[in-house]
Amino acid sequence: LGCRADGDPPPSTRCARDGADTRGRGSRTVSRADAGRYLCRATNKHGSAVRSVLVTVECEWPKGEGI
């Protein structure tokens, strides 16, 4: 799950699920195990902003199949 924010100066961003950083995972197939609450935080010298997002995965494609 990506996290994007605008600001001056541009903020650093971090997205975490249950305390685990999600950076560096790249593009991959999503499964029901990825469902849960994610916290996205943007921080610069003026402070930080946090948003909570609840992700629900309703359908899981079998490996090798998809759009």
PDB file of N, CA and C in Angstrom:
ATOM      1  N   LEU A   1       0.854  -1.174   0.000  1.00  0.00           N
ATOM      2  CA  LEU A   1       0.000   0.000   0.000  1.00  0.00           C
ATOM      3  C   LEU A   1       0.890   1.224   0.000  1.00  0.00           C
ATOM      4  N   GLY A   2       0.713   2.065  -0.976  1.00  0.00           N
ATOM      5  CA  GLY A   2       1.522   3.276  -1.060  1.00  0.00           C
ATOM      6  C   GLY A   2       0.945   4.395  -0.228  1.00  0.00           C
ATOM      7  N   CYS A   3       1.785   5.317   0.115  1.00  0.00           N
ATOM      8  CA  CYS A   3       1.386   6.464   0.916  1.00  0.00           C
ATOM      9  C   CYS A   3       1.935   7.707   0.216  1.00  0.00           C
ATOM     10  N   ARG A   4       1.078   8.682  -0.082  1.00  0.00           N
ATOM     11  CA  ARG A   4       1.514   9.880  -0.799  1.00  0.00           C
ATOM     12  C   ARG A   4       1.019  11.118  -0.073  1.00  0.00           C
ATOM     13  N   ALA A   5       1.886  12.132  -0.016  1.00  0.00           N
ATOM     14  CA  ALA A   5       1.502  13.387   0.634  1.00  0.00           C
ATOM     15  C   ALA A   5       2.251  14.534  -0.028  1.00  0.00           C
ATOM     16  N   ASP A   6       1.639  15.710  -0.014  1.00  0.00           N
ATOM     17  CA  ASP A   6       2.259  16.921  -0.537  1.00  0.00           C
ATOM     18  C   ASP A   6       2.536  17.864   0.625  1.00  0.00           C
ATOM     19  N   GLY A   7       3.583  18.664   0.492  1.00  0.00           N
ATOM     20  CA  GLY A   7       3.898  19.635   1.524  1.00  0.00           C
ATOM     21  C   GLY A   7       5.134  20.427   1.155  1.00  0.00           C
ATOM     22  N   ASP A   8       5.445  21.447   1.960  1.00  0.00           N
ATOM     23  CA  ASP A   8       6.628  22.275   1.734  1.00  0.00           C
ATOM     24  C   ASP A   8       7.324  22.473   3.075  1.00  0.00           C
ATOM     25  N   PRO A   9       8.457  21.817   3.272  1.00  0.00           N
ATOM     26  CA  PRO A   9       9.164  20.932   2.349  1.00  0.00           C
ATOM     27  C   PRO A   9       8.420  19.606   2.170  1.00  0.00           C
ATOM     28  N   PRO A  10       8.716  18.909   1.059  1.00  0.00           N
ATOM     29  CA  PRO A  10       8.046  17.629   0.810  1.00  0.00           C
ATOM     30  C   PRO A  10       8.240  16.676   2.000  1.00  0.00           C
ATOM     31  N   PRO A  11       7.156  16.060   2.446  1.00  0.00           N
ATOM     32  CA  PRO A  11       7.258  15.170   3.600  1.00  0.00           C
ATOM     33  C   PRO A  11       7.780  13.780   3.223  1.00  0.00           C
ATOM     34  N   SER A  12       8.363  13.120   4.220  1.00  0.00           N
ATOM     35  CA  SER A  12       8.660  11.700   4.061  1.00  0.00           C
ATOM     36  C   SER A  12       7.379  10.961   4.428  1.00  0.00           C
ATOM     37  N   THR A  13       7.169   9.790   3.843  1.00  0.00           N
ATOM     38  CA  THR A  13       5.948   9.040   4.118  1.00  0.00           C
ATOM     39  C   THR A  13       6.289   7.627   4.545  1.00  0.00           C
ATOM     40  N   ARG A  14       5.386   7.054   5.313  1.00  0.00           N
ATOM     41  CA  ARG A  14       5.546   5.685   5.780  1.00  0.00           C
ATOM     42  C   ARG A  14       4.165   5.090   5.949  1.00  0.00           C
ATOM     43  N   CYS A  15       4.007   3.859   5.495  1.00  0.00           N
ATOM     44  CA  CYS A  15       2.746   3.155   5.658  1.00  0.00           C
ATOM     45  C   CYS A  15       3.042   1.865   6.418  1.00  0.00           C
ATOM     46  N   ALA A  16       2.268   1.579   7.441  1.00  0.00           N
ATOM     47  CA  ALA A  16       2.519   0.396   8.262  1.00  0.00           C
ATOM     48  C   ALA A  16       1.221  -0.321   8.583  1.00  0.00           C
ATOM     49  N   ARG A  17       1.306  -1.638   8.665  1.00  0.00           N
ATOM     50  CA  ARG A  17       0.169  -2.457   9.072  1.00  0.00           C
ATOM     51  C   ARG A  17       0.571  -3.189  10.342  1.00  0.00           C
ATOM     52  N   ASP A  18      -0.191  -3.018  11.381  1.00  0.00           N
ATOM     53  CA  ASP A  18       0.088  -3.687  12.651  1.00  0.00           C
ATOM     54  C   ASP A  18       1.532  -3.480  13.086  1.00  0.00           C
ATOM     55  N   GLY A  19       2.060  -2.269  12.870  1.00  0.00           N
ATOM     56  CA  GLY A  19       3.408  -1.952  13.305  1.00  0.00           C
ATOM     57  C   GLY A  19       4.518  -2.400  12.373  1.00  0.00           C
ATOM     58  N   ALA A  20       4.178  -3.090  11.277  1.00  0.00           N
ATOM     59  CA  ALA A  20       5.197  -3.574  10.342  1.00  0.00           C
ATOM     60  C   ALA A  20       5.269  -2.658   9.129  1.00  0.00           C
ATOM     61  N   ASP A  21       6.454  -2.182   8.806  1.00  0.00           N
ATOM     62  CA  ASP A  21       6.662  -1.298   7.658  1.00  0.00           C
ATOM     63  C   ASP A  21       6.331  -2.059   6.371  1.00  0.00           C
ATOM     64  N   THR A  22       5.626  -1.399   5.425  1.00  0.00           N
ATOM     65  CA  THR A  22       5.246  -2.067   4.171  1.00  0.00           C
ATOM     66  C   THR A  22       6.105  -1.626   2.999  1.00  0.00           C
ATOM     67  N   ARG A  23       7.116  -0.788   3.227  1.00  0.00           N
ATOM     68  CA  ARG A  23       7.970  -0.338   2.133  1.00  0.00           C
ATOM     69  C   ARG A  23       8.807  -1.486   1.597  1.00  0.00           C
ATOM     70  N   GLY A  24       9.179  -1.400   0.315  1.00  0.00           N
ATOM     71  CA  GLY A  24      10.073  -2.367  -0.269  1.00  0.00           C
ATOM     72  C   GLY A  24       9.405  -3.641  -0.739  1.00  0.00           C
ATOM     73  N   ARG A  25       8.114  -3.747  -0.627  1.00  0.00           N
ATOM     74  CA  ARG A  25       7.426  -4.959  -1.057  1.00  0.00           C
ATOM     75  C   ARG A  25       7.210  -4.996  -2.562  1.00  0.00           C
ATOM     76  N   GLY A  26       7.109  -3.819  -3.170  1.00  0.00           N
ATOM     77  CA  GLY A  26       6.909  -3.769  -4.614  1.00  0.00           C
ATOM     78  C   GLY A  26       5.531  -4.247  -5.022  1.00  0.00           C
ATOM     79  N   SER A  27       5.359  -4.427  -6.310  1.00  0.00           N
ATOM     80  CA  SER A  27       4.078  -4.875  -6.849  1.00  0.00           C
ATOM     81  C   SER A  27       3.975  -6.388  -6.690  1.00  0.00           C
ATOM     82  N   ARG A  28       2.853  -6.834  -6.152  1.00  0.00           N
ATOM     83  CA  ARG A  28       2.651  -8.259  -5.984  1.00  0.00           C
ATOM     84  C   ARG A  28       1.172  -8.545  -5.913  1.00  0.00           C
ATOM     85  N   THR A  29       0.810  -9.812  -5.967  1.00  0.00           N
ATOM     86  CA  THR A  29      -0.585 -10.218  -5.866  1.00  0.00           C
ATOM     87  C   THR A  29      -1.076  -9.986  -4.446  1.00  0.00           C
ATOM     88  N   VAL A  30      -2.284  -9.484  -4.324  1.00  0.00           N
ATOM     89  CA  VAL A  30      -2.897  -9.215  -3.025  1.00  0.00           C
ATOM     90  C   VAL A  30      -3.704 -10.434  -2.610  1.00  0.00           C
ATOM     91  N   SER A  31      -3.639 -10.785  -1.341  1.00  0.00           N
ATOM     92  CA  SER A  31      -4.428 -11.903  -0.827  1.00  0.00           C
ATOM     93  C   SER A  31      -5.250 -11.434   0.373  1.00  0.00           C
ATOM     94  N   ARG A  32      -6.131 -12.300   0.838  1.00  0.00           N
ATOM     95  CA  ARG A  32      -6.958 -11.939   2.000  1.00  0.00           C
ATOM     96  C   ARG A  32      -6.109 -11.676   3.238  1.00  0.00           C
ATOM     97  N   ALA A  33      -4.914 -12.257   3.285  1.00  0.00           N
ATOM     98  CA  ALA A  33      -4.012 -12.038   4.422  1.00  0.00           C
ATOM     99  C   ALA A  33      -3.544 -10.585   4.499  1.00  0.00           C
ATOM    100  N   ASP A  34      -3.691  -9.820   3.404  1.00  0.00           N
ATOM    101  CA  ASP A  34      -3.281  -8.414   3.379  1.00  0.00           C
ATOM    102  C   ASP A  34      -4.340  -7.485   3.967  1.00  0.00           C
ATOM    103  N   ALA A  35      -5.513  -8.007   4.268  1.00  0.00           N
ATOM    104  CA  ALA A  35      -6.579  -7.183   4.845  1.00  0.00           C
ATOM    105  C   ALA A  35      -6.187  -6.731   6.248  1.00  0.00           C
ATOM    106  N   GLY A  36      -6.651  -5.560   6.624  1.00  0.00           N
ATOM    107  CA  GLY A  36      -6.393  -5.059   7.971  1.00  0.00           C
ATOM    108  C   GLY A  36      -6.318  -3.551   8.006  1.00  0.00           C
ATOM    109  N   ARG A  37      -5.945  -3.017   9.147  1.00  0.00           N
ATOM    110  CA  ARG A  37      -5.829  -1.573   9.324  1.00  0.00           C
ATOM    111  C   ARG A  37      -4.406  -1.144   9.050  1.00  0.00           C
ATOM    112  N   TYR A  38      -4.255  -0.135   8.187  1.00  0.00           N
ATOM    113  CA  TYR A  38      -2.960   0.429   7.825  1.00  0.00           C
ATOM    114  C   TYR A  38      -2.905   1.878   8.293  1.00  0.00           C
ATOM    115  N   LEU A  39      -1.761   2.299   8.798  1.00  0.00           N
ATOM    116  CA  LEU A  39      -1.547   3.684   9.193  1.00  0.00           C
ATOM    117  C   LEU A  39      -0.551   4.309   8.239  1.00  0.00           C
ATOM    118  N   CYS A  40      -0.925   5.429   7.641  1.00  0.00           N
ATOM    119  CA  CYS A  40      -0.037   6.161   6.745  1.00  0.00           C
ATOM    120  C   CYS A  40       0.345   7.472   7.436  1.00  0.00           C
ATOM    121  N   ARG A  41       1.652   7.725   7.534  1.00  0.00           N
ATOM    122  CA  ARG A  41       2.153   8.911   8.226  1.00  0.00           C
ATOM    123  C   ARG A  41       3.019   9.726   7.275  1.00  0.00           C
ATOM    124  N   ALA A  42       2.767  11.034   7.230  1.00  0.00           N
ATOM    125  CA  ALA A  42       3.586  11.979   6.460  1.00  0.00           C
ATOM    126  C   ALA A  42       4.227  12.932   7.465  1.00  0.00           C
ATOM    127  N   THR A  43       5.545  13.139   7.335  1.00  0.00           N
ATOM    128  CA  THR A  43       6.272  13.962   8.302  1.00  0.00           C
ATOM    129  C   THR A  43       7.236  14.909   7.595  1.00  0.00           C
ATOM    130  N   ASN A  44       7.235  16.180   8.025  1.00  0.00           N
ATOM    131  CA  ASN A  44       8.279  17.128   7.614  1.00  0.00           C
ATOM    132  C   ASN A  44       8.604  17.999   8.829  1.00  0.00           C
ATOM    133  N   LYS A  45       9.414  19.031   8.645  1.00  0.00           N
ATOM    134  CA  LYS A  45       9.860  19.835   9.791  1.00  0.00           C
ATOM    135  C   LYS A  45       8.726  20.573  10.493  1.00  0.00           C
ATOM    136  N   HIS A  46       7.560  20.678   9.856  1.00  0.00           N
ATOM    137  CA  HIS A  46       6.426  21.375  10.456  1.00  0.00           C
ATOM    138  C   HIS A  46       5.528  20.459  11.281  1.00  0.00           C
ATOM    139  N   GLY A  47       5.760  19.160  11.203  1.00  0.00           N
ATOM    140  CA  GLY A  47       4.938  18.230  11.965  1.00  0.00           C
ATOM    141  C   GLY A  47       4.626  16.976  11.176  1.00  0.00           C
ATOM    142  N   SER A  48       3.558  16.309  11.582  1.00  0.00           N
ATOM    143  CA  SER A  48       3.171  15.077  10.896  1.00  0.00           C
ATOM    144  C   SER A  48       1.653  14.970  10.831  1.00  0.00           C
ATOM    145  N   ALA A  49       1.210  14.153   9.894  1.00  0.00           N
ATOM    146  CA  ALA A  49      -0.214  13.854   9.735  1.00  0.00           C
ATOM    147  C   ALA A  49      -0.342  12.346   9.584  1.00  0.00           C
ATOM    148  N   VAL A  50      -1.371  11.778  10.211  1.00  0.00           N
ATOM    149  CA  VAL A  50      -1.580  10.334  10.169  1.00  0.00           C
ATOM    150  C   VAL A  50      -2.998  10.050   9.711  1.00  0.00           C
ATOM    151  N   ARG A  51      -3.135   9.056   8.857  1.00  0.00           N
ATOM    152  CA  ARG A  51      -4.461   8.604   8.421  1.00  0.00           C
ATOM    153  C   ARG A  51      -4.519   7.098   8.582  1.00  0.00           C
ATOM    154  N   SER A  52      -5.638   6.619   9.031  1.00  0.00           N
ATOM    155  CA  SER A  52      -5.871   5.190   9.199  1.00  0.00           C
ATOM    156  C   SER A  52      -6.780   4.714   8.068  1.00  0.00           C
ATOM    157  N   VAL A  53      -6.421   3.599   7.458  1.00  0.00           N
ATOM    158  CA  VAL A  53      -7.203   3.060   6.346  1.00  0.00           C
ATOM    159  C   VAL A  53      -7.500   1.596   6.636  1.00  0.00           C
ATOM    160  N   LEU A  54      -8.754   1.195   6.503  1.00  0.00           N
ATOM    161  CA  LEU A  54      -9.130  -0.202   6.674  1.00  0.00           C
ATOM    162  C   LEU A  54      -9.210  -0.838   5.290  1.00  0.00           C
ATOM    163  N   VAL A  55      -8.381  -1.839   5.050  1.00  0.00           N
ATOM    164  CA  VAL A  55      -8.329  -2.515   3.751  1.00  0.00           C
ATOM    165  C   VAL A  55      -9.045  -3.855   3.875  1.00  0.00           C
ATOM    166  N   THR A  56      -9.988  -4.102   2.971  1.00  0.00           N
ATOM    167  CA  THR A  56     -10.714  -5.359   2.904  1.00  0.00           C
ATOM    168  C   THR A  56     -10.427  -6.006   1.557  1.00  0.00           C
ATOM    169  N   VAL A  57     -10.077  -7.276   1.559  1.00  0.00           N
ATOM    170  CA  VAL A  57      -9.844  -8.019   0.318  1.00  0.00           C
ATOM    171  C   VAL A  57     -10.983  -9.016   0.199  1.00  0.00           C
ATOM    172  N   GLU A  58     -11.830  -8.835  -0.824  1.00  0.00           N
ATOM    173  CA  GLU A  58     -13.013  -9.665  -0.966  1.00  0.00           C
ATOM    174  C   GLU A  58     -12.852 -10.803  -1.941  1.00  0.00           C
ATOM    175  N   CYS A  59     -11.885 -10.728  -2.824  1.00  0.00           N
ATOM    176  CA  CYS A  59     -11.718 -11.763  -3.846  1.00  0.00           C
ATOM    177  C   CYS A  59     -10.234 -12.040  -4.004  1.00  0.00           C
ATOM    178  N   GLU A  60      -9.886 -13.295  -4.140  1.00  0.00           N
ATOM    179  CA  GLU A  60      -8.498 -13.690  -4.316  1.00  0.00           C
ATOM    180  C   GLU A  60      -8.409 -14.529  -5.589  1.00  0.00           C
ATOM    181  N   TRP A  61      -7.591 -14.067  -6.551  1.00  0.00           N
ATOM    182  CA  TRP A  61      -7.412 -14.792  -7.802  1.00  0.00           C
ATOM    183  C   TRP A  61      -6.447 -15.953  -7.586  1.00  0.00           C
ATOM    184  N   PRO A  62      -6.730 -17.110  -8.176  1.00  0.00           N
ATOM    185  CA  PRO A  62      -5.746 -18.205  -8.115  1.00  0.00           C
ATOM    186  C   PRO A  62      -4.458 -17.785  -8.818  1.00  0.00           C
ATOM    187  N   LYS A  63      -3.328 -18.286  -8.344  1.00  0.00           N
ATOM    188  CA  LYS A  63      -2.041 -17.927  -8.965  1.00  0.00           C
ATOM    189  C   LYS A  63      -2.065 -18.239 -10.447  1.00  0.00           C
ATOM    190  N   GLY A  64      -1.480 -17.327 -11.238  1.00  0.00           N
ATOM    191  CA  GLY A  64      -1.395 -17.508 -12.687  1.00  0.00           C
ATOM    192  C   GLY A  64      -2.616 -17.041 -13.436  1.00  0.00           C
ATOM    193  N   GLU A  65      -3.671 -16.669 -12.738  1.00  0.00           N
ATOM    194  CA  GLU A  65      -4.878 -16.174 -13.383  1.00  0.00           C
ATOM    195  C   GLU A  65      -5.078 -14.710 -13.007  1.00  0.00           C
ATOM    196  N   GLY A  66      -5.845 -14.011 -13.776  1.00  0.00           N
ATOM    197  CA  GLY A  66      -6.133 -12.627 -13.457  1.00  0.00           C
ATOM    198  C   GLY A  66      -6.514 -11.854 -14.699  1.00  0.00           C
ATOM    199  N   ILE A  67      -6.514 -10.563 -14.568  1.00  0.00           N
ATOM    200  CA  ILE A  67      -6.935  -9.693 -15.667  1.00  0.00           C
ATOM    201  C   ILE A  67      -5.771  -9.432 -16.571  1.00  0.00           C
TER     202      ILE A  67
END
